[in-house]
Amino acid sequence: MTCLPAWAHEGHGMPGFAHWHASDVLGFVAIVGVVAAVIWFKGGK
């Protein structure tokens, strides 16, 4: 998954510089995990 500009934010004294944090990846991983679990449990039969 890529870092989407819409999810990036400005701040930390850097106006005009949108960025994301490495810890934000945990959120992306959690979303992918939830989607995978839903597909796994609903798609089998």
PDB file of N, CA and C in Angstrom:
ATOM      1  N   MET A   1       0.838  -1.178   0.000  1.00  0.00           N
ATOM      2  CA  MET A   1       0.000   0.000   0.000  1.00  0.00           C
ATOM      3  C   MET A   1       0.882   1.240   0.000  1.00  0.00           C
ATOM      4  N   THR A   2       0.417   2.223  -0.672  1.00  0.00           N
ATOM      5  CA  THR A   2       1.209   3.441  -0.731  1.00  0.00           C
ATOM      6  C   THR A   2       0.671   4.473   0.238  1.00  0.00           C
ATOM      7  N   CYS A   3       1.464   5.439   0.501  1.00  0.00           N
ATOM      8  CA  CYS A   3       1.044   6.573   1.329  1.00  0.00           C
ATOM      9  C   CYS A   3       0.185   7.478   0.455  1.00  0.00           C
ATOM     10  N   LEU A   4      -1.048   7.653   0.814  1.00  0.00           N
ATOM     11  CA  LEU A   4      -1.949   8.476   0.017  1.00  0.00           C
ATOM     12  C   LEU A   4      -1.849   9.928   0.461  1.00  0.00           C
ATOM     13  N   PRO A   5      -1.682  10.859  -0.472  1.00  0.00           N
ATOM     14  CA  PRO A   5      -1.558  12.272  -0.105  1.00  0.00           C
ATOM     15  C   PRO A   5      -2.739  12.777   0.719  1.00  0.00           C
ATOM     16  N   ALA A   6      -3.929  12.237   0.482  1.00  0.00           N
ATOM     17  CA  ALA A   6      -5.097  12.687   1.244  1.00  0.00           C
ATOM     18  C   ALA A   6      -4.973  12.328   2.714  1.00  0.00           C
ATOM     19  N   TRP A   7      -4.178  11.311   3.035  1.00  0.00           N
ATOM     20  CA  TRP A   7      -4.010  10.896   4.421  1.00  0.00           C
ATOM     21  C   TRP A   7      -2.805  11.569   5.062  1.00  0.00           C
ATOM     22  N   ALA A   8      -1.978  12.211   4.256  1.00  0.00           N
ATOM     23  CA  ALA A   8      -0.821  12.919   4.791  1.00  0.00           C
ATOM     24  C   ALA A   8      -1.290  14.202   5.460  1.00  0.00           C
ATOM     25  N   HIS A   9      -0.445  14.771   6.283  1.00  0.00           N
ATOM     26  CA  HIS A   9      -0.827  15.989   6.984  1.00  0.00           C
ATOM     27  C   HIS A   9       0.347  16.951   7.046  1.00  0.00           C
ATOM     28  N   GLU A  10       0.001  18.204   7.206  1.00  0.00           N
ATOM     29  CA  GLU A  10       1.021  19.222   7.417  1.00  0.00           C
ATOM     30  C   GLU A  10       1.198  19.398   8.917  1.00  0.00           C
ATOM     31  N   GLY A  11       2.296  19.953   9.291  1.00  0.00           N
ATOM     32  CA  GLY A  11       2.486  20.210  10.708  1.00  0.00           C
ATOM     33  C   GLY A  11       3.940  20.154  11.108  1.00  0.00           C
ATOM     34  N   HIS A  12       4.169  20.205  12.403  1.00  0.00           N
ATOM     35  CA  HIS A  12       5.504  20.167  12.987  1.00  0.00           C
ATOM     36  C   HIS A  12       6.363  21.328  12.491  1.00  0.00           C
ATOM     37  N   GLY A  13       5.738  22.480  12.259  1.00  0.00           N
ATOM     38  CA  GLY A  13       6.480  23.659  11.822  1.00  0.00           C
ATOM     39  C   GLY A  13       6.933  23.608  10.376  1.00  0.00           C
ATOM     40  N   MET A  14       6.307  22.761   9.574  1.00  0.00           N
ATOM     41  CA  MET A  14       6.693  22.619   8.169  1.00  0.00           C
ATOM     42  C   MET A  14       5.507  22.961   7.275  1.00  0.00           C
ATOM     43  N   PRO A  15       5.146  24.237   7.161  1.00  0.00           N
ATOM     44  CA  PRO A  15       3.993  24.586   6.333  1.00  0.00           C
ATOM     45  C   PRO A  15       4.237  24.248   4.865  1.00  0.00           C
ATOM     46  N   GLY A  16       3.202  23.729   4.223  1.00  0.00           N
ATOM     47  CA  GLY A  16       3.314  23.385   2.811  1.00  0.00           C
ATOM     48  C   GLY A  16       4.017  22.069   2.548  1.00  0.00           C
ATOM     49  N   PHE A  17       4.382  21.347   3.591  1.00  0.00           N
ATOM     50  CA  PHE A  17       5.087  20.075   3.432  1.00  0.00           C
ATOM     51  C   PHE A  17       4.244  18.967   4.050  1.00  0.00           C
ATOM     52  N   ALA A  18       3.459  18.293   3.219  1.00  0.00           N
ATOM     53  CA  ALA A  18       2.635  17.190   3.699  1.00  0.00           C
ATOM     54  C   ALA A  18       3.520  15.969   3.906  1.00  0.00           C
ATOM     55  N   HIS A  19       3.286  15.278   4.996  1.00  0.00           N
ATOM     56  CA  HIS A  19       4.112  14.119   5.308  1.00  0.00           C
ATOM     57  C   HIS A  19       3.293  13.097   6.083  1.00  0.00           C
ATOM     58  N   TRP A  20       3.859  11.931   6.247  1.00  0.00           N
ATOM     59  CA  TRP A  20       3.253  10.894   7.063  1.00  0.00           C
ATOM     60  C   TRP A  20       4.335  10.309   7.943  1.00  0.00           C
ATOM     61  N   HIS A  21       3.940   9.575   8.953  1.00  0.00           N
ATOM     62  CA  HIS A  21       4.892   8.981   9.889  1.00  0.00           C
ATOM     63  C   HIS A  21       4.998   7.478   9.637  1.00  0.00           C
ATOM     64  N   ALA A  22       6.147   6.923   9.929  1.00  0.00           N
ATOM     65  CA  ALA A  22       6.336   5.485   9.747  1.00  0.00           C
ATOM     66  C   ALA A  22       5.335   4.695  10.587  1.00  0.00           C
ATOM     67  N   SER A  23       4.959   5.225  11.741  1.00  0.00           N
ATOM     68  CA  SER A  23       3.990   4.526  12.589  1.00  0.00           C
ATOM     69  C   SER A  23       2.601   4.486  11.959  1.00  0.00           C
ATOM     70  N   ASP A  24       2.330   5.355  10.978  1.00  0.00           N
ATOM     71  CA  ASP A  24       1.042   5.325  10.283  1.00  0.00           C
ATOM     72  C   ASP A  24       0.857   4.016   9.520  1.00  0.00           C
ATOM     73  N   VAL A  25       1.950   3.354   9.199  1.00  0.00           N
ATOM     74  CA  VAL A  25       1.881   2.085   8.477  1.00  0.00           C
ATOM     75  C   VAL A  25       1.101   1.060   9.296  1.00  0.00           C
ATOM     76  N   LEU A  26       1.165   1.142  10.621  1.00  0.00           N
ATOM     77  CA  LEU A  26       0.419   0.206  11.460  1.00  0.00           C
ATOM     78  C   LEU A  26      -1.077   0.297  11.177  1.00  0.00           C
ATOM     79  N   GLY A  27      -1.565   1.490  10.930  1.00  0.00           N
ATOM     80  CA  GLY A  27      -2.973   1.655  10.574  1.00  0.00           C
ATOM     81  C   GLY A  27      -3.303   1.000   9.249  1.00  0.00           C
ATOM     82  N   PHE A  28      -2.413   1.162   8.265  1.00  0.00           N
ATOM     83  CA  PHE A  28      -2.622   0.529   6.966  1.00  0.00           C
ATOM     84  C   PHE A  28      -2.624  -0.992   7.108  1.00  0.00           C
ATOM     85  N   VAL A  29      -1.701  -1.515   7.902  1.00  0.00           N
ATOM     86  CA  VAL A  29      -1.620  -2.958   8.118  1.00  0.00           C
ATOM     87  C   VAL A  29      -2.883  -3.461   8.814  1.00  0.00           C
ATOM     88  N   ALA A  30      -3.384  -2.705   9.780  1.00  0.00           N
ATOM     89  CA  ALA A  30      -4.609  -3.101  10.483  1.00  0.00           C
ATOM     90  C   ALA A  30      -5.800  -3.140   9.529  1.00  0.00           C
ATOM     91  N   ILE A  31      -5.912  -2.149   8.665  1.00  0.00           N
ATOM     92  CA  ILE A  31      -7.015  -2.121   7.698  1.00  0.00           C
ATOM     93  C   ILE A  31      -6.935  -3.324   6.768  1.00  0.00           C
ATOM     94  N   VAL A  32      -5.762  -3.611   6.264  1.00  0.00           N
ATOM     95  CA  VAL A  32      -5.586  -4.760   5.374  1.00  0.00           C
ATOM     96  C   VAL A  32      -5.927  -6.052   6.117  1.00  0.00           C
ATOM     97  N   GLY A  33      -5.525  -6.149   7.379  1.00  0.00           N
ATOM     98  CA  GLY A  33      -5.832  -7.336   8.176  1.00  0.00           C
ATOM     99  C   GLY A  33      -7.320  -7.541   8.376  1.00  0.00           C
ATOM    100  N   VAL A  34      -8.039  -6.460   8.657  1.00  0.00           N
ATOM    101  CA  VAL A  34      -9.491  -6.554   8.845  1.00  0.00           C
ATOM    102  C   VAL A  34     -10.169  -6.968   7.544  1.00  0.00           C
ATOM    103  N   VAL A  35      -9.772  -6.361   6.441  1.00  0.00           N
ATOM    104  CA  VAL A  35     -10.358  -6.718   5.144  1.00  0.00           C
ATOM    105  C   VAL A  35     -10.064  -8.180   4.817  1.00  0.00           C
ATOM    106  N   ALA A  36      -8.841  -8.623   5.056  1.00  0.00           N
ATOM    107  CA  ALA A  36      -8.479 -10.015   4.787  1.00  0.00           C
ATOM    108  C   ALA A  36      -9.293 -10.969   5.658  1.00  0.00           C
ATOM    109  N   ALA A  37      -9.504 -10.620   6.924  1.00  0.00           N
ATOM    110  CA  ALA A  37     -10.289 -11.470   7.818  1.00  0.00           C
ATOM    111  C   ALA A  37     -11.738 -11.566   7.355  1.00  0.00           C
ATOM    112  N   VAL A  38     -12.307 -10.450   6.932  1.00  0.00           N
ATOM    113  CA  VAL A  38     -13.690 -10.462   6.443  1.00  0.00           C
ATOM    114  C   VAL A  38     -13.802 -11.341   5.205  1.00  0.00           C
ATOM    115  N   ILE A  39     -12.873 -11.202   4.286  1.00  0.00           N
ATOM    116  CA  ILE A  39     -12.896 -12.022   3.070  1.00  0.00           C
ATOM    117  C   ILE A  39     -12.717 -13.497   3.426  1.00  0.00           C
ATOM    118  N   TRP A  40     -11.816 -13.784   4.352  1.00  0.00           N
ATOM    119  CA  TRP A  40     -11.528 -15.162   4.746  1.00  0.00           C
ATOM    120  C   TRP A  40     -12.759 -15.829   5.357  1.00  0.00           C
ATOM    121  N   PHE A  41     -13.417 -15.130   6.285  1.00  0.00           N
ATOM    122  CA  PHE A  41     -14.541 -15.734   6.998  1.00  0.00           C
ATOM    123  C   PHE A  41     -15.838 -15.737   6.191  1.00  0.00           C
ATOM    124  N   LYS A  42     -16.028 -14.788   5.311  1.00  0.00           N
ATOM    125  CA  LYS A  42     -17.275 -14.718   4.537  1.00  0.00           C
ATOM    126  C   LYS A  42     -17.166 -15.400   3.178  1.00  0.00           C
ATOM    127  N   GLY A  43     -15.979 -15.484   2.627  1.00  0.00           N
ATOM    128  CA  GLY A  43     -15.839 -15.959   1.255  1.00  0.00           C
ATOM    129  C   GLY A  43     -15.678 -17.454   1.094  1.00  0.00           C
ATOM    130  N   GLY A  44     -15.501 -18.188   2.158  1.00  0.00           N
ATOM    131  CA  GLY A  44     -15.183 -19.609   2.053  1.00  0.00           C
ATOM    132  C   GLY A  44     -16.284 -20.477   1.476  1.00  0.00           C
ATOM    133  N   LYS A  45     -17.545 -20.236   1.838  1.00  0.00           N
ATOM    134  CA  LYS A  45     -18.609 -21.168   1.437  1.00  0.00           C
ATOM    135  C   LYS A  45     -19.727 -20.486   0.710  1.00  0.00           C
TER     136      LYS A  45
END
